[in-house]
Amino acid sequence: MLRHFEHQITLPGDVDPESVTASLDSGVLAVRLAKARSSQPRHIEISGPSARQSGRTIDDASGPG
């Protein structure tokens, strides 16, 4: 007998819908989601004379925008 199950949840943050995968093995559902590129952490170098002396950088987790 085939049964139907549906469950919806709201995910925090942005998810790249093209990278979502799901598998069902022995009754265990595994869903893998990747963050959208815009929400990935990025490394920003600070330019200017005083920044070069200290090698300052910013690690920004908020993405562009």
Protein backbone atom coordinates (compact mmCIF):
# COMPACT_ATOMS: atom_id res chain seq x y z
CA MET A 1 0.00 0.00 0.00
CA LEU A 2 1.39 3.39 -1.03
CA ARG A 3 0.96 6.22 1.47
CA HIS A 4 1.31 9.96 1.04
CA PHE A 5 3.08 12.19 3.54
CA GLU A 6 3.58 15.94 3.32
CA HIS A 7 5.24 18.34 5.75
CA GLN A 8 6.22 21.96 5.13
CA ILE A 9 8.67 24.06 7.11
CA THR A 10 10.00 27.58 6.72
CA LEU A 11 13.77 27.66 6.42
CA PRO A 12 15.88 30.43 7.92
CA GLY A 13 17.95 32.42 5.43
CA ASP A 14 18.26 32.04 1.69
CA VAL A 15 18.50 28.61 0.08
CA ASP A 16 19.71 27.89 -3.45
CA PRO A 17 16.78 25.90 -4.89
CA GLU A 18 18.96 24.41 -7.64
CA SER A 19 21.17 22.67 -5.06
CA VAL A 20 18.47 20.96 -2.97
CA THR A 21 18.74 17.17 -2.87
CA ALA A 22 16.69 14.60 -1.00
CA SER A 23 17.08 10.87 -0.48
CA LEU A 24 15.06 8.18 1.28
CA ASP A 25 16.91 5.15 2.62
CA SER A 26 15.39 2.60 5.02
CA GLY A 27 12.72 5.06 6.08
CA VAL A 28 15.20 7.90 6.76
CA LEU A 29 14.65 11.06 4.76
CA ALA A 30 17.79 13.17 4.24
CA VAL A 31 17.43 16.65 2.75
CA ARG A 32 20.53 18.70 1.90
CA LEU A 33 20.29 22.43 1.30
CA ALA A 34 22.97 24.91 0.28
CA LYS A 35 22.98 28.59 1.12
CA ALA A 36 22.28 30.93 -1.74
CA ARG A 37 25.44 32.56 -3.03
CA SER A 38 24.34 35.96 -1.68
CA SER A 39 24.25 34.61 1.89
CA GLN A 40 27.67 32.92 1.80
CA PRO A 41 30.37 34.49 3.99
CA ARG A 42 32.95 36.47 2.04
CA HIS A 43 36.36 38.01 2.70
CA ILE A 44 36.72 41.76 2.13
CA GLU A 45 40.12 43.42 2.00
CA ILE A 46 40.38 46.98 3.29
CA SER A 47 42.33 49.33 1.05
CA GLY A 48 44.20 52.49 1.99
CA PRO A 49 47.59 53.39 3.44
CA SER A 50 46.85 52.49 7.08
CA ALA A 51 45.07 49.24 6.13
CA ARG A 52 48.11 47.99 4.17
CA GLN A 53 50.37 48.48 7.17
CA SER A 54 48.25 46.32 9.46
CA GLY A 55 46.93 43.84 6.85
CA ARG A 56 43.33 44.46 7.96
CA THR A 57 40.44 42.47 6.51
CA ILE A 58 36.76 42.01 7.25
CA ASP A 59 34.98 38.66 7.18
CA ASP A 60 31.42 39.55 6.19
CA ALA A 61 28.72 36.91 6.78
CA SER A 62 25.87 39.11 5.54
CA GLY A 63 26.75 38.92 1.85
CA PRO A 64 26.48 41.70 -0.69
CA GLY A 65 23.91 44.37 -0.36
